[in-house]
Amino acid sequence: IYITIKKAIFEGATTRTLLVHRFGKTTEPVTDAIGFRIEPKIGFIIDITTVA
């Protein structure tokens, strides 16, 4: 497993995404994308909202 961070600007807002790469017993690498943000005095927050 290894993790990379992707940062992009989407509709004027900065988005940050953790990409979790896994290679265990699969024929191809599997990547999960997890949105997150950092809040002052709170810390690391995982965004669990989705847009359908």
N, C-alpha and C. Protein backbone atom coordinates (compact mmCIF):
# COMPACT_ATOMS: atom_id res chain seq x y z
N ILE A 1 0.86 -1.18 0.00
CA ILE A 1 0.00 0.00 0.00
C ILE A 1 0.89 1.23 0.00
N TYR A 2 0.52 2.21 -0.82
CA TYR A 2 1.16 3.52 -0.71
C TYR A 2 0.13 4.59 -0.99
N ILE A 3 0.36 5.79 -0.44
CA ILE A 3 -0.61 6.88 -0.52
C ILE A 3 0.02 8.08 -1.21
N THR A 4 -0.73 8.69 -2.14
CA THR A 4 -0.30 9.94 -2.76
C THR A 4 -1.39 10.98 -2.54
N ILE A 5 -1.01 12.25 -2.60
CA ILE A 5 -1.96 13.34 -2.41
C ILE A 5 -2.09 14.10 -3.71
N LYS A 6 -3.33 14.33 -4.14
CA LYS A 6 -3.61 15.08 -5.36
C LYS A 6 -4.32 16.37 -4.97
N LYS A 7 -3.86 17.49 -5.51
CA LYS A 7 -4.47 18.79 -5.22
C LYS A 7 -4.93 19.39 -6.53
N ALA A 8 -6.17 19.89 -6.57
CA ALA A 8 -6.72 20.48 -7.80
C ALA A 8 -7.64 21.63 -7.44
N ILE A 9 -7.88 22.50 -8.41
CA ILE A 9 -8.83 23.58 -8.24
C ILE A 9 -10.07 23.23 -9.05
N PHE A 10 -11.21 23.14 -8.38
CA PHE A 10 -12.47 22.75 -9.01
C PHE A 10 -13.50 23.83 -8.72
N GLU A 11 -13.96 24.53 -9.76
CA GLU A 11 -14.94 25.61 -9.66
C GLU A 11 -14.52 26.65 -8.62
N GLY A 12 -13.25 27.01 -8.63
CA GLY A 12 -12.74 28.04 -7.74
C GLY A 12 -12.38 27.57 -6.35
N ALA A 13 -12.64 26.33 -6.01
CA ALA A 13 -12.31 25.79 -4.69
C ALA A 13 -11.17 24.78 -4.82
N THR A 14 -10.26 24.81 -3.87
CA THR A 14 -9.15 23.85 -3.86
C THR A 14 -9.64 22.54 -3.28
N THR A 15 -9.42 21.45 -4.01
CA THR A 15 -9.78 20.12 -3.51
C THR A 15 -8.52 19.31 -3.31
N ARG A 16 -8.52 18.52 -2.26
CA ARG A 16 -7.39 17.64 -1.96
C ARG A 16 -7.93 16.22 -1.87
N THR A 17 -7.21 15.29 -2.46
CA THR A 17 -7.65 13.91 -2.49
C THR A 17 -6.48 13.00 -2.14
N LEU A 18 -6.72 12.05 -1.22
CA LEU A 18 -5.75 11.01 -0.94
C LEU A 18 -6.03 9.86 -1.90
N LEU A 19 -5.01 9.40 -2.58
CA LEU A 19 -5.14 8.24 -3.46
C LEU A 19 -4.44 7.07 -2.78
N VAL A 20 -5.21 6.06 -2.41
CA VAL A 20 -4.68 4.89 -1.72
C VAL A 20 -4.50 3.80 -2.75
N HIS A 21 -3.26 3.43 -3.01
CA HIS A 21 -2.95 2.41 -4.02
C HIS A 21 -2.70 1.08 -3.31
N ARG A 22 -3.42 0.04 -3.75
CA ARG A 22 -3.26 -1.29 -3.16
C ARG A 22 -2.93 -2.30 -4.26
N PHE A 23 -2.11 -3.24 -3.92
CA PHE A 23 -1.69 -4.22 -4.91
C PHE A 23 -1.87 -5.66 -4.45
N GLY A 24 -2.56 -5.92 -3.36
CA GLY A 24 -2.65 -7.26 -2.80
C GLY A 24 -3.60 -8.18 -3.56
N LYS A 25 -3.07 -9.23 -4.14
CA LYS A 25 -3.83 -10.31 -4.77
C LYS A 25 -4.85 -9.82 -5.80
N THR A 26 -4.50 -8.82 -6.58
CA THR A 26 -5.36 -8.37 -7.68
C THR A 26 -4.58 -8.49 -8.97
N THR A 27 -5.29 -8.61 -10.07
CA THR A 27 -4.61 -8.69 -11.35
C THR A 27 -4.12 -7.33 -11.80
N GLU A 28 -4.78 -6.27 -11.32
CA GLU A 28 -4.38 -4.90 -11.63
C GLU A 28 -4.39 -4.07 -10.35
N PRO A 29 -3.61 -2.99 -10.30
CA PRO A 29 -3.63 -2.12 -9.12
C PRO A 29 -5.02 -1.51 -8.90
N VAL A 30 -5.40 -1.36 -7.64
CA VAL A 30 -6.68 -0.78 -7.28
C VAL A 30 -6.42 0.54 -6.57
N THR A 31 -7.13 1.60 -6.96
CA THR A 31 -6.95 2.91 -6.35
C THR A 31 -8.26 3.42 -5.78
N ASP A 32 -8.25 3.80 -4.51
CA ASP A 32 -9.38 4.46 -3.88
C ASP A 32 -9.04 5.92 -3.72
N ALA A 33 -10.00 6.81 -3.95
CA ALA A 33 -9.80 8.25 -3.78
C ALA A 33 -10.63 8.72 -2.59
N ILE A 34 -9.99 9.43 -1.67
CA ILE A 34 -10.64 9.91 -0.46
C ILE A 34 -10.42 11.41 -0.36
N GLY A 35 -11.50 12.19 -0.37
CA GLY A 35 -11.38 13.63 -0.22
C GLY A 35 -11.12 14.00 1.24
N PHE A 36 -10.34 15.05 1.46
CA PHE A 36 -10.06 15.48 2.82
C PHE A 36 -9.77 16.97 2.85
N ARG A 37 -9.79 17.52 4.06
CA ARG A 37 -9.40 18.91 4.25
C ARG A 37 -8.73 19.04 5.62
N ILE A 38 -8.01 20.13 5.80
CA ILE A 38 -7.35 20.42 7.06
C ILE A 38 -8.00 21.68 7.63
N GLU A 39 -8.54 21.59 8.84
CA GLU A 39 -9.18 22.72 9.49
C GLU A 39 -8.30 23.21 10.64
N PRO A 40 -8.14 24.55 10.76
CA PRO A 40 -7.36 25.08 11.88
C PRO A 40 -7.98 24.68 13.22
N LYS A 41 -7.14 24.31 14.17
CA LYS A 41 -7.52 23.91 15.54
C LYS A 41 -8.35 22.64 15.60
N ILE A 42 -8.59 21.99 14.45
CA ILE A 42 -9.32 20.72 14.42
C ILE A 42 -8.42 19.62 13.88
N GLY A 43 -7.84 19.85 12.70
CA GLY A 43 -6.94 18.88 12.10
C GLY A 43 -7.46 18.28 10.82
N PHE A 44 -7.15 17.03 10.62
CA PHE A 44 -7.45 16.28 9.40
C PHE A 44 -8.91 15.84 9.41
N ILE A 45 -9.68 16.19 8.35
CA ILE A 45 -11.09 15.81 8.25
C ILE A 45 -11.31 15.11 6.92
N ILE A 46 -11.91 13.93 6.97
CA ILE A 46 -12.24 13.18 5.75
C ILE A 46 -13.61 13.64 5.27
N ASP A 47 -13.69 14.03 3.99
CA ASP A 47 -14.96 14.43 3.38
C ASP A 47 -15.72 13.19 2.95
N ILE A 48 -16.91 12.99 3.51
CA ILE A 48 -17.69 11.81 3.18
C ILE A 48 -18.89 12.14 2.31
N THR A 49 -18.99 13.39 1.85
CA THR A 49 -20.09 13.77 0.98
C THR A 49 -19.79 13.35 -0.45
N THR A 50 -20.83 13.01 -1.19
CA THR A 50 -20.67 12.65 -2.60
C THR A 50 -21.69 13.42 -3.42
N VAL A 51 -21.37 13.60 -4.68
CA VAL A 51 -22.28 14.26 -5.61
C VAL A 51 -22.73 13.24 -6.63
N ALA A 52 -24.03 13.02 -6.73
CA ALA A 52 -24.54 12.02 -7.66
C ALA A 52 -24.94 12.66 -8.96
